[in-house]
Amino acid sequence: MITFLASPKPFKGIAKEQQYRAIRSWLAAAKDVEVILYGDSDGIDEAGLDLGVQVVKQLDCAPSGIPYFGSIVGHAAKYGQHDFQVYLNCDILLSGIFEAMSLITLTQFLLIGQRIDLTESVVMDFEESNWRQSLMQLAIEGKAILHSPTGIDYFAFRRGMWQDIPSIIIGRGGYDNALLAYCMRNQIPIVDGTLAVAALHQFHDYGHMKGGLKVVMEGSDAMHNIRIGGVKRSPPLVSDSGYILKNSQVISCSCRGDWLRRAELKLRYEMGWLKTALVLRLIWRGINGVGIILKHKLSIVEVMYEFASTHLTEVN
């Protein structure tokens, strides 16, 4: 039914616990689930055996040793068991992804969404029947926070969609924006699943990496992604999606109602009119600064209400 793709961090300490917990949430996503772990991180073979998932070590990587997104999805397109495929960060707990993808009748699409950040020391598990209530309580206590539309941690699509994808390096600054820009240039619909998919980000630092967060977001791999993806200016975000999943329906909601932002993105990514797009962006920033255009911003309350409504529908 669905294939999950990920390139994990080393399975050490808290990262091992978090990644095991995340992978188990994926394995519970549908009746028939395949998980493929890519790369050669410490402990990956043991994880494959413990969790009963596939490990693939041979793939194309950047000079830094970090895999190219195209290498992962290219392998999955050829060897994956299922047409529904999801690439995601290996610390993301996920629920509702298969149901959300099943609602989308578009021939091609990219399903993304805002994640919910769990604060330090918070442990969640979708295996608990009352996880929605627990998550609601965490939100009330300020321990579960809706991340801004800037960070994207899961990408759901149909097999074989990423034709001639540039050499985007996973997990580094700009890679998520570059993937959205690819879809916009190729007129592949982007669907916002924030209200339909529970994507929980487990708190972690960047101690496993030399240079930490600065290298992730500003290092040579990040600069490569920004350059090759053409996203130095006006990078696409979750809130720039053309559709949104709400009340079990796919609704047209381009840029969450911000028509000027939609015009700028169309000029920039679909038509390649960069100078005209820049002019529109300057106008957009100016009128946003004085509050003339107010793009709808999802809140944690709205997201939790939708999750609760979905649960009531399932029960009834």
C-alpha atoms as a PDB file:
ATOM      1  CA  MET A   1       0.000   0.000   0.000  1.00  0.00           C
ATOM      2  CA  ILE A   2       2.766   2.493   0.911  1.00  0.00           C
ATOM      3  CA  THR A   3       6.572   2.655   0.862  1.00  0.00           C
ATOM      4  CA  PHE A   4       8.538   4.888   3.244  1.00  0.00           C
ATOM      5  CA  LEU A   5      12.028   6.107   2.360  1.00  0.00           C
ATOM      6  CA  ALA A   6      14.525   7.619   4.798  1.00  0.00           C
ATOM      7  CA  SER A   7      18.223   8.176   5.335  1.00  0.00           C
ATOM      8  CA  PRO A   8      18.737   7.943   9.114  1.00  0.00           C
ATOM      9  CA  LYS A   9      21.239   9.516  11.459  1.00  0.00           C
ATOM     10  CA  PRO A  10      23.546   7.178  13.412  1.00  0.00           C
ATOM     11  CA  PHE A  11      21.491   4.917  15.673  1.00  0.00           C
ATOM     12  CA  LYS A  12      23.118   6.038  18.895  1.00  0.00           C
ATOM     13  CA  GLY A  13      21.671   7.141  22.231  1.00  0.00           C
ATOM     14  CA  ILE A  14      18.448   9.138  22.080  1.00  0.00           C
ATOM     15  CA  ALA A  15      18.606   9.214  18.266  1.00  0.00           C
ATOM     16  CA  LYS A  16      18.269   5.429  18.205  1.00  0.00           C
ATOM     17  CA  GLU A  17      15.201   5.540  20.440  1.00  0.00           C
ATOM     18  CA  GLN A  18      13.592   8.321  18.408  1.00  0.00           C
ATOM     19  CA  GLN A  19      14.272   6.725  15.034  1.00  0.00           C
ATOM     20  CA  TYR A  20      13.009   3.326  16.157  1.00  0.00           C
ATOM     21  CA  ARG A  21       9.857   4.992  17.491  1.00  0.00           C
ATOM     22  CA  ALA A  22       9.371   6.901  14.228  1.00  0.00           C
ATOM     23  CA  ILE A  23       9.859   3.846  12.008  1.00  0.00           C
ATOM     24  CA  ARG A  24       7.376   1.861  14.086  1.00  0.00           C
ATOM     25  CA  SER A  25       4.811   4.623  13.483  1.00  0.00           C
ATOM     26  CA  TRP A  26       5.360   4.259   9.728  1.00  0.00           C
ATOM     27  CA  LEU A  27       4.983   0.487   9.903  1.00  0.00           C
ATOM     28  CA  ALA A  28       1.558   1.026  11.481  1.00  0.00           C
ATOM     29  CA  ALA A  29       0.427   3.437   8.739  1.00  0.00           C
ATOM     30  CA  ALA A  30      -1.405   0.820   6.635  1.00  0.00           C
ATOM     31  CA  LYS A  31      -1.937  -2.910   6.248  1.00  0.00           C
ATOM     32  CA  ASP A  32       0.937  -3.393   3.816  1.00  0.00           C
ATOM     33  CA  VAL A  33       3.934  -1.149   4.510  1.00  0.00           C
ATOM     34  CA  GLU A  34       7.475  -1.206   3.170  1.00  0.00           C
ATOM     35  CA  VAL A  35      10.280   0.800   4.769  1.00  0.00           C
ATOM     36  CA  ILE A  36      13.625   1.321   3.032  1.00  0.00           C
ATOM     37  CA  LEU A  37      16.522   2.888   4.942  1.00  0.00           C
ATOM     38  CA  TYR A  38      19.263   4.392   2.796  1.00  0.00           C
ATOM     39  CA  GLY A  39      22.910   5.020   3.596  1.00  0.00           C
ATOM     40  CA  ASP A  40      25.563   3.578   5.855  1.00  0.00           C
ATOM     41  CA  SER A  41      24.968   5.271   9.204  1.00  0.00           C
ATOM     42  CA  ASP A  42      26.134   3.538  12.369  1.00  0.00           C
ATOM     43  CA  GLY A  43      23.669   0.901  13.515  1.00  0.00           C
ATOM     44  CA  ILE A  44      21.627   0.831  10.306  1.00  0.00           C
ATOM     45  CA  ASP A  45      22.078  -2.924   9.771  1.00  0.00           C
ATOM     46  CA  GLU A  46      20.980  -3.687  13.321  1.00  0.00           C
ATOM     47  CA  ALA A  47      17.980  -1.401  12.884  1.00  0.00           C
ATOM     48  CA  GLY A  48      17.032  -3.184   9.687  1.00  0.00           C
ATOM     49  CA  LEU A  49      17.060  -6.533  11.492  1.00  0.00           C
ATOM     50  CA  ASP A  50      15.326  -5.275  14.638  1.00  0.00           C
ATOM     51  CA  LEU A  51      12.502  -3.579  12.755  1.00  0.00           C
ATOM     52  CA  GLY A  52      12.261  -5.915   9.776  1.00  0.00           C
ATOM     53  CA  VAL A  53      12.946  -3.217   7.190  1.00  0.00           C
ATOM     54  CA  GLN A  54      15.154  -3.050   4.121  1.00  0.00           C
ATOM     55  CA  VAL A  55      18.571  -1.366   4.069  1.00  0.00           C
ATOM     56  CA  VAL A  56      20.161  -0.016   0.876  1.00  0.00           C
ATOM     57  CA  LYS A  57      23.745   1.212   1.115  1.00  0.00           C
ATOM     58  CA  GLN A  58      24.765   1.693  -2.496  1.00  0.00           C
ATOM     59  CA  LEU A  59      23.520   5.015  -3.835  1.00  0.00           C
ATOM     60  CA  ASP A  60      24.870   8.226  -5.312  1.00  0.00           C
ATOM     61  CA  CYS A  61      26.050  10.781  -2.772  1.00  0.00           C
ATOM     62  CA  ALA A  62      27.481  14.275  -2.731  1.00  0.00           C
ATOM     63  CA  PRO A  63      31.232  14.682  -2.030  1.00  0.00           C
ATOM     64  CA  SER A  64      30.253  15.172   1.637  1.00  0.00           C
ATOM     65  CA  GLY A  65      28.814  11.637   1.674  1.00  0.00           C
ATOM     66  CA  ILE A  66      25.199  12.806   2.008  1.00  0.00           C
ATOM     67  CA  PRO A  67      22.813  11.075  -0.470  1.00  0.00           C
ATOM     68  CA  TYR A  68      21.158  12.831  -3.368  1.00  0.00           C
ATOM     69  CA  PHE A  69      17.360  12.889  -3.210  1.00  0.00           C
ATOM     70  CA  GLY A  70      17.194  11.712  -6.829  1.00  0.00           C
ATOM     71  CA  SER A  71      19.221   8.610  -6.038  1.00  0.00           C
ATOM     72  CA  ILE A  72      16.797   7.589  -3.281  1.00  0.00           C
ATOM     73  CA  VAL A  73      13.559   8.185  -5.193  1.00  0.00           C
ATOM     74  CA  GLY A  74      15.093   6.707  -8.344  1.00  0.00           C
ATOM     75  CA  HIS A  75      15.838   3.468  -6.513  1.00  0.00           C
ATOM     76  CA  ALA A  76      12.369   3.440  -4.940  1.00  0.00           C
ATOM     77  CA  ALA A  77      10.694   4.056  -8.302  1.00  0.00           C
ATOM     78  CA  LYS A  78      12.419   0.962  -9.693  1.00  0.00           C
ATOM     79  CA  TYR A  79      12.479  -1.389  -6.716  1.00  0.00           C
ATOM     80  CA  GLY A  80       9.852  -0.136  -4.234  1.00  0.00           C
ATOM     81  CA  GLN A  81       6.818  -2.345  -3.726  1.00  0.00           C
ATOM     82  CA  HIS A  82       4.143   0.351  -3.759  1.00  0.00           C
ATOM     83  CA  ASP A  83       3.047   3.313  -5.899  1.00  0.00           C
ATOM     84  CA  PHE A  84       2.372   5.478  -2.828  1.00  0.00           C
ATOM     85  CA  GLN A  85       5.790   6.558  -1.596  1.00  0.00           C
ATOM     86  CA  VAL A  86       6.932   8.931   1.161  1.00  0.00           C
ATOM     87  CA  TYR A  87      10.372  10.371   1.739  1.00  0.00           C
ATOM     88  CA  LEU A  88      10.756  11.760   5.248  1.00  0.00           C
ATOM     89  CA  ASN A  89      13.181  12.606   8.000  1.00  0.00           C
ATOM     90  CA  CYS A  90      13.844   9.615  10.203  1.00  0.00           C
ATOM     91  CA  ASP A  91      12.793  11.261  13.475  1.00  0.00           C
ATOM     92  CA  ILE A  92       9.246  12.097  12.312  1.00  0.00           C
ATOM     93  CA  LEU A  93       6.301  10.273  13.886  1.00  0.00           C
ATOM     94  CA  LEU A  94       3.583  10.035  11.259  1.00  0.00           C
ATOM     95  CA  SER A  95      -0.136   9.226  11.364  1.00  0.00           C
ATOM     96  CA  GLY A  96      -2.841   9.574   8.716  1.00  0.00           C
ATOM     97  CA  ILE A  97      -0.534   9.690   5.694  1.00  0.00           C
ATOM     98  CA  PHE A  98      -2.039   6.745   3.805  1.00  0.00           C
ATOM     99  CA  GLU A  99      -5.593   7.992   4.327  1.00  0.00           C
ATOM    100  CA  ALA A 100      -4.566  11.458   3.149  1.00  0.00           C
ATOM    101  CA  MET A 101      -2.883  10.162  -0.004  1.00  0.00           C
ATOM    102  CA  SER A 102      -5.912   7.989  -0.770  1.00  0.00           C
ATOM    103  CA  LEU A 103      -8.122  11.095  -0.857  1.00  0.00           C
ATOM    104  CA  ILE A 104      -6.074  12.716  -3.636  1.00  0.00           C
ATOM    105  CA  THR A 105      -7.289  11.751  -7.114  1.00  0.00           C
ATOM    106  CA  LEU A 106      -4.754  13.874  -9.021  1.00  0.00           C
ATOM    107  CA  THR A 107      -2.550  11.871 -11.389  1.00  0.00           C
ATOM    108  CA  GLN A 108       0.556  13.449  -9.903  1.00  0.00           C
ATOM    109  CA  PHE A 109       0.926  15.388  -6.669  1.00  0.00           C
ATOM    110  CA  LEU A 110       3.245  16.268  -3.837  1.00  0.00           C
ATOM    111  CA  LEU A 111       1.689  16.063  -0.374  1.00  0.00           C
ATOM    112  CA  ILE A 112       3.491  18.062   2.317  1.00  0.00           C
ATOM    113  CA  GLY A 113       2.542  19.743   5.590  1.00  0.00           C
ATOM    114  CA  GLN A 114       3.596  21.690   8.636  1.00  0.00           C
ATOM    115  CA  ARG A 115       4.979  19.542  11.417  1.00  0.00           C
ATOM    116  CA  ILE A 116       4.302  19.760  15.140  1.00  0.00           C
ATOM    117  CA  ASP A 117       7.433  20.252  17.249  1.00  0.00           C
ATOM    118  CA  LEU A 118       7.605  18.376  20.532  1.00  0.00           C
ATOM    119  CA  THR A 119       9.668  20.103  23.188  1.00  0.00           C
ATOM    120  CA  GLU A 120      12.652  18.534  24.908  1.00  0.00           C
ATOM    121  CA  SER A 121      11.992  15.368  26.949  1.00  0.00           C
ATOM    122  CA  VAL A 122       8.471  14.915  25.532  1.00  0.00           C
ATOM    123  CA  VAL A 123       7.810  11.361  24.332  1.00  0.00           C
ATOM    124  CA  MET A 124       4.797  10.562  22.147  1.00  0.00           C
ATOM    125  CA  ASP A 125       3.748   7.215  20.742  1.00  0.00           C
ATOM    126  CA  PHE A 126       1.000   6.664  18.172  1.00  0.00           C
ATOM    127  CA  GLU A 127       0.582   3.117  19.483  1.00  0.00           C
ATOM    128  CA  GLU A 128      -1.384   4.610  22.384  1.00  0.00           C
ATOM    129  CA  SER A 129      -5.111   4.755  21.609  1.00  0.00           C
ATOM    130  CA  ASN A 130      -5.497   8.157  23.261  1.00  0.00           C
ATOM    131  CA  TRP A 131      -2.601   9.885  21.482  1.00  0.00           C
ATOM    132  CA  ARG A 132      -4.870  12.667  20.165  1.00  0.00           C
ATOM    133  CA  GLN A 133      -5.939  13.587  23.675  1.00  0.00           C
ATOM    134  CA  SER A 134      -2.334  13.438  24.873  1.00  0.00           C
ATOM    135  CA  LEU A 135      -1.211  15.658  22.007  1.00  0.00           C
ATOM    136  CA  MET A 136      -3.989  18.134  22.750  1.00  0.00           C
ATOM    137  CA  GLN A 137      -2.855  18.347  26.385  1.00  0.00           C
ATOM    138  CA  LEU A 138       0.743  18.901  25.273  1.00  0.00           C
ATOM    139  CA  ALA A 139      -0.443  21.706  22.986  1.00  0.00           C
ATOM    140  CA  ILE A 140      -2.307  23.344  25.876  1.00  0.00           C
ATOM    141  CA  GLU A 141       0.856  23.136  27.983  1.00  0.00           C
ATOM    142  CA  GLY A 142       2.988  24.634  25.209  1.00  0.00           C
ATOM    143  CA  LYS A 143       4.910  21.395  24.728  1.00  0.00           C
ATOM    144  CA  ALA A 144       3.563  20.698  21.206  1.00  0.00           C
ATOM    145  CA  ILE A 145       4.020  23.666  18.870  1.00  0.00           C
ATOM    146  CA  LEU A 146       2.995  24.029  15.224  1.00  0.00           C
ATOM    147  CA  HIS A 147       6.130  24.717  13.219  1.00  0.00           C
ATOM    148  CA  SER A 148       6.081  27.562  10.721  1.00  0.00           C
ATOM    149  CA  PRO A 149       5.484  26.733   7.019  1.00  0.00           C
ATOM    150  CA  THR A 150       9.228  27.008   6.393  1.00  0.00           C
ATOM    151  CA  GLY A 151      10.272  23.537   7.553  1.00  0.00           C
ATOM    152  CA  ILE A 152       9.090  20.493   5.573  1.00  0.00           C
ATOM    153  CA  ASP A 153       9.819  17.017   6.906  1.00  0.00           C
ATOM    154  CA  TYR A 154       7.769  14.661   4.721  1.00  0.00           C
ATOM    155  CA  PHE A 155       7.135  14.426   0.974  1.00  0.00           C
ATOM    156  CA  ALA A 156       4.438  12.045  -0.278  1.00  0.00           C
ATOM    157  CA  PHE A 157       3.995  11.258  -3.976  1.00  0.00           C
ATOM    158  CA  ARG A 158       3.308   8.568  -6.539  1.00  0.00           C
ATOM    159  CA  ARG A 159       6.112   6.335  -7.785  1.00  0.00           C
ATOM    160  CA  GLY A 160       8.249   7.727 -10.609  1.00  0.00           C
ATOM    161  CA  MET A 161       7.243  11.393 -10.325  1.00  0.00           C
ATOM    162  CA  TRP A 162      10.738  12.853  -9.970  1.00  0.00           C
ATOM    163  CA  GLN A 163      11.981  12.767 -13.552  1.00  0.00           C
ATOM    164  CA  ASP A 164      15.293  14.548 -14.236  1.00  0.00           C
ATOM    165  CA  ILE A 165      15.428  15.925 -10.694  1.00  0.00           C
ATOM    166  CA  PRO A 166      18.527  18.102 -10.047  1.00  0.00           C
ATOM    167  CA  SER A 167      21.262  16.861  -7.703  1.00  0.00           C
ATOM    168  CA  ILE A 168      19.521  17.994  -4.509  1.00  0.00           C
ATOM    169  CA  ILE A 169      21.242  16.885  -1.299  1.00  0.00           C
ATOM    170  CA  ILE A 170      18.877  15.599   1.383  1.00  0.00           C
ATOM    171  CA  GLY A 171      18.651  17.025   4.879  1.00  0.00           C
ATOM    172  CA  ARG A 172      20.569  20.213   4.115  1.00  0.00           C
ATOM    173  CA  GLY A 173      19.364  23.781   3.892  1.00  0.00           C
ATOM    174  CA  GLY A 174      17.257  24.554   0.834  1.00  0.00           C
ATOM    175  CA  TYR A 175      16.545  20.957  -0.130  1.00  0.00           C
ATOM    176  CA  ASP A 176      12.865  21.084   0.803  1.00  0.00           C
ATOM    177  CA  ASN A 177      12.365  24.431  -0.982  1.00  0.00           C
ATOM    178  CA  ALA A 178      14.168  23.060  -4.050  1.00  0.00           C
ATOM    179  CA  LEU A 179      11.777  20.093  -4.203  1.00  0.00           C
ATOM    180  CA  LEU A 180       8.762  22.420  -4.120  1.00  0.00           C
ATOM    181  CA  ALA A 181      10.342  24.622  -6.790  1.00  0.00           C
ATOM    182  CA  TYR A 182      10.812  21.531  -8.988  1.00  0.00           C
ATOM    183  CA  CYS A 183       7.106  20.757  -8.677  1.00  0.00           C
ATOM    184  CA  MET A 184       6.110  24.328  -9.495  1.00  0.00           C
ATOM    185  CA  ARG A 185       8.333  24.403 -12.578  1.00  0.00           C
ATOM    186  CA  ASN A 186       6.846  21.105 -13.755  1.00  0.00           C
ATOM    187  CA  GLN A 187       3.278  22.121 -12.795  1.00  0.00           C
ATOM    188  CA  ILE A 188       2.912  19.243 -10.360  1.00  0.00           C
ATOM    189  CA  PRO A 189       0.125  20.075  -7.863  1.00  0.00           C
ATOM    190  CA  ILE A 190       1.247  20.602  -4.277  1.00  0.00           C
ATOM    191  CA  VAL A 191      -1.225  19.647  -1.551  1.00  0.00           C
ATOM    192  CA  ASP A 192      -1.031  20.953   2.027  1.00  0.00           C
ATOM    193  CA  GLY A 193      -1.805  18.090   4.412  1.00  0.00           C
ATOM    194  CA  THR A 194      -1.256  19.938   7.696  1.00  0.00           C
ATOM    195  CA  LEU A 195      -4.868  19.394   8.799  1.00  0.00           C
ATOM    196  CA  ALA A 196      -4.939  15.730   7.756  1.00  0.00           C
ATOM    197  CA  VAL A 197      -1.517  14.289   8.627  1.00  0.00           C
ATOM    198  CA  ALA A 198      -0.066  14.273  12.133  1.00  0.00           C
ATOM    199  CA  ALA A 199       3.685  14.777  11.674  1.00  0.00           C
ATOM    200  CA  LEU A 200       5.447  15.058  15.024  1.00  0.00           C
ATOM    201  CA  HIS A 201       9.046  16.186  15.208  1.00  0.00           C
ATOM    202  CA  GLN A 202      10.909  14.733  18.164  1.00  0.00           C
ATOM    203  CA  PHE A 203      13.284  17.205  19.787  1.00  0.00           C
ATOM    204  CA  HIS A 204      16.987  16.751  19.063  1.00  0.00           C
ATOM    205  CA  ASP A 205      20.175  18.746  18.762  1.00  0.00           C
ATOM    206  CA  TYR A 206      22.825  18.518  16.039  1.00  0.00           C
ATOM    207  CA  GLY A 207      25.570  17.039  18.170  1.00  0.00           C
ATOM    208  CA  HIS A 208      25.947  14.140  15.731  1.00  0.00           C
ATOM    209  CA  MET A 209      27.315  16.585  13.142  1.00  0.00           C
ATOM    210  CA  LYS A 210      30.589  18.461  13.143  1.00  0.00           C
ATOM    211  CA  GLY A 211      29.641  22.114  12.876  1.00  0.00           C
ATOM    212  CA  GLY A 212      26.073  21.471  14.031  1.00  0.00           C
ATOM    213  CA  LEU A 213      23.062  23.374  12.715  1.00  0.00           C
ATOM    214  CA  LYS A 214      25.184  26.058  11.043  1.00  0.00           C
ATOM    215  CA  VAL A 215      26.719  23.486   8.684  1.00  0.00           C
ATOM    216  CA  VAL A 216      23.283  21.971   7.967  1.00  0.00           C
ATOM    217  CA  MET A 217      21.719  25.295   7.004  1.00  0.00           C
ATOM    218  CA  GLU A 218      24.681  27.295   5.693  1.00  0.00           C
ATOM    219  CA  GLY A 219      27.350  24.788   4.672  1.00  0.00           C
ATOM    220  CA  SER A 220      28.492  23.932   1.149  1.00  0.00           C
ATOM    221  CA  ASP A 221      25.739  21.332   0.639  1.00  0.00           C
ATOM    222  CA  ALA A 222      23.080  23.881   1.600  1.00  0.00           C
ATOM    223  CA  MET A 223      24.565  26.474  -0.758  1.00  0.00           C
ATOM    224  CA  HIS A 224      24.550  23.851  -3.517  1.00  0.00           C
ATOM    225  CA  ASN A 225      20.839  23.146  -2.932  1.00  0.00           C
ATOM    226  CA  ILE A 226      19.919  26.819  -2.960  1.00  0.00           C
ATOM    227  CA  ARG A 227      21.877  27.430  -6.148  1.00  0.00           C
ATOM    228  CA  ILE A 228      20.785  24.365  -8.108  1.00  0.00           C
ATOM    229  CA  GLY A 229      17.196  24.682  -6.913  1.00  0.00           C
ATOM    230  CA  GLY A 230      17.029  28.362  -7.801  1.00  0.00           C
ATOM    231  CA  VAL A 231      15.556  29.214  -4.404  1.00  0.00           C
ATOM    232  CA  LYS A 232      17.866  31.969  -3.179  1.00  0.00           C
ATOM    233  CA  ARG A 233      14.988  34.430  -3.444  1.00  0.00           C
ATOM    234  CA  SER A 234      11.404  33.689  -2.483  1.00  0.00           C
ATOM    235  CA  PRO A 235      11.774  29.974  -1.625  1.00  0.00           C
ATOM    236  CA  PRO A 236       8.444  28.069  -1.792  1.00  0.00           C
ATOM    237  CA  LEU A 237       6.885  27.092   1.539  1.00  0.00           C
ATOM    238  CA  VAL A 238       4.085  24.811   2.757  1.00  0.00           C
ATOM    239  CA  SER A 239       1.752  27.827   2.738  1.00  0.00           C
ATOM    240  CA  ASP A 240       2.364  28.220  -1.008  1.00  0.00           C
ATOM    241  CA  SER A 241       0.573  24.952  -1.828  1.00  0.00           C
ATOM    242  CA  GLY A 242      -2.115  25.021  -4.494  1.00  0.00           C
ATOM    243  CA  TYR A 243      -4.496  22.768  -2.537  1.00  0.00           C
ATOM    244  CA  ILE A 244      -5.270  21.920   1.057  1.00  0.00           C
ATOM    245  CA  LEU A 245      -6.726  18.746   2.577  1.00  0.00           C
ATOM    246  CA  LYS A 246      -9.573  19.679   4.901  1.00  0.00           C
ATOM    247  CA  ASN A 247     -12.639  17.771   6.081  1.00  0.00           C
ATOM    248  CA  SER A 248     -11.485  14.784   3.982  1.00  0.00           C
ATOM    249  CA  GLN A 249     -11.619  16.892   0.812  1.00  0.00           C
ATOM    250  CA  VAL A 250      -8.957  18.296  -1.498  1.00  0.00           C
ATOM    251  CA  ILE A 251      -9.792  21.994  -1.758  1.00  0.00           C
ATOM    252  CA  SER A 252      -8.232  24.539  -4.108  1.00  0.00           C
ATOM    253  CA  CYS A 253      -6.540  27.070  -1.854  1.00  0.00           C
ATOM    254  CA  SER A 254      -3.608  28.586  -3.712  1.00  0.00           C
ATOM    255  CA  CYS A 255      -1.110  30.228  -1.346  1.00  0.00           C
ATOM    256  CA  ARG A 256      -3.841  30.185   1.317  1.00  0.00           C
ATOM    257  CA  GLY A 257      -5.712  32.919  -0.517  1.00  0.00           C
ATOM    258  CA  ASP A 258      -2.770  35.286  -1.149  1.00  0.00           C
ATOM    259  CA  TRP A 259      -3.287  36.019  -4.866  1.00  0.00           C
ATOM    260  CA  LEU A 260      -0.261  38.306  -5.176  1.00  0.00           C
ATOM    261  CA  ARG A 261       2.060  35.660  -3.733  1.00  0.00           C
ATOM    262  CA  ARG A 262       0.587  33.126  -6.174  1.00  0.00           C
ATOM    263  CA  ALA A 263       1.228  35.492  -9.095  1.00  0.00           C
ATOM    264  CA  GLU A 264       4.834  35.996  -8.013  1.00  0.00           C
ATOM    265  CA  LEU A 265       5.478  32.248  -7.720  1.00  0.00           C
ATOM    266  CA  LYS A 266       3.898  31.595 -11.108  1.00  0.00           C
ATOM    267  CA  LEU A 267       6.095  34.216 -12.754  1.00  0.00           C
ATOM    268  CA  ARG A 268       9.212  32.968 -10.973  1.00  0.00           C
ATOM    269  CA  TYR A 269       8.924  29.195 -11.160  1.00  0.00           C
ATOM    270  CA  GLU A 270       6.457  28.396 -13.947  1.00  0.00           C
ATOM    271  CA  MET A 271       7.329  31.134 -16.431  1.00  0.00           C
ATOM    272  CA  GLY A 272      10.905  32.000 -15.456  1.00  0.00           C
ATOM    273  CA  TRP A 273      10.255  35.764 -15.451  1.00  0.00           C
ATOM    274  CA  LEU A 274      12.623  36.459 -12.583  1.00  0.00           C
ATOM    275  CA  LYS A 275      12.838  40.238 -12.827  1.00  0.00           C
ATOM    276  CA  THR A 276       9.068  40.679 -13.043  1.00  0.00           C
ATOM    277  CA  ALA A 277       8.667  38.248 -10.146  1.00  0.00           C
ATOM    278  CA  LEU A 278      11.138  40.289  -8.095  1.00  0.00           C
ATOM    279  CA  VAL A 279       9.105  43.439  -8.651  1.00  0.00           C
ATOM    280  CA  LEU A 280       5.957  41.635  -7.512  1.00  0.00           C
ATOM    281  CA  ARG A 281       7.799  40.315  -4.463  1.00  0.00           C
ATOM    282  CA  LEU A 282       8.850  43.821  -3.439  1.00  0.00           C
ATOM    283  CA  ILE A 283       5.241  44.984  -3.789  1.00  0.00           C
ATOM    284  CA  TRP A 284       4.029  41.934  -1.839  1.00  0.00           C
ATOM    285  CA  ARG A 285       6.475  42.585   0.994  1.00  0.00           C
ATOM    286  CA  GLY A 286       5.458  46.208   1.154  1.00  0.00           C
ATOM    287  CA  ILE A 287       1.702  45.649   1.382  1.00  0.00           C
ATOM    288  CA  ASN A 288       2.178  42.740   3.784  1.00  0.00           C
ATOM    289  CA  GLY A 289       4.198  45.035   5.972  1.00  0.00           C
ATOM    290  CA  VAL A 290       1.217  47.331   6.407  1.00  0.00           C
ATOM    291  CA  GLY A 291      -1.274  44.471   6.744  1.00  0.00           C
ATOM    292  CA  ILE A 292      -3.233  44.941   3.498  1.00  0.00           C
ATOM    293  CA  ILE A 293      -2.931  41.257   2.588  1.00  0.00           C
ATOM    294  CA  LEU A 294      -3.429  38.828   5.455  1.00  0.00           C
ATOM    295  CA  LYS A 295      -2.545  35.253   4.530  1.00  0.00           C
ATOM    296  CA  HIS A 296      -4.378  32.701   6.648  1.00  0.00           C
ATOM    297  CA  LYS A 297      -2.054  31.129   9.200  1.00  0.00           C
ATOM    298  CA  LEU A 298      -2.955  27.756  10.629  1.00  0.00           C
ATOM    299  CA  SER A 299      -2.827  27.462  14.406  1.00  0.00           C
ATOM    300  CA  ILE A 300      -2.170  24.495  16.647  1.00  0.00           C
ATOM    301  CA  VAL A 301      -5.773  24.810  17.887  1.00  0.00           C
ATOM    302  CA  GLU A 302      -7.134  24.524  14.337  1.00  0.00           C
ATOM    303  CA  VAL A 303      -4.905  21.551  13.601  1.00  0.00           C
ATOM    304  CA  MET A 304      -5.847  19.738  16.800  1.00  0.00           C
ATOM    305  CA  TYR A 305      -9.547  20.394  16.202  1.00  0.00           C
ATOM    306  CA  GLU A 306      -9.254  18.801  12.758  1.00  0.00           C
ATOM    307  CA  PHE A 307      -7.442  15.763  14.197  1.00  0.00           C
ATOM    308  CA  ALA A 308     -10.174  15.374  16.826  1.00  0.00           C
ATOM    309  CA  SER A 309     -12.928  15.686  14.192  1.00  0.00           C
ATOM    310  CA  THR A 310     -11.247  12.995  12.084  1.00  0.00           C
ATOM    311  CA  HIS A 311     -11.124  10.702  15.110  1.00  0.00           C
ATOM    312  CA  LEU A 312     -14.848  11.222  15.815  1.00  0.00           C
ATOM    313  CA  THR A 313     -15.660  10.455  12.180  1.00  0.00           C
ATOM    314  CA  GLU A 314     -13.647   7.231  12.356  1.00  0.00           C
ATOM    315  CA  VAL A 315     -15.404   6.167  15.570  1.00  0.00           C
ATOM    316  CA  ASN A 316     -18.882   6.907  14.205  1.00  0.00           C
END
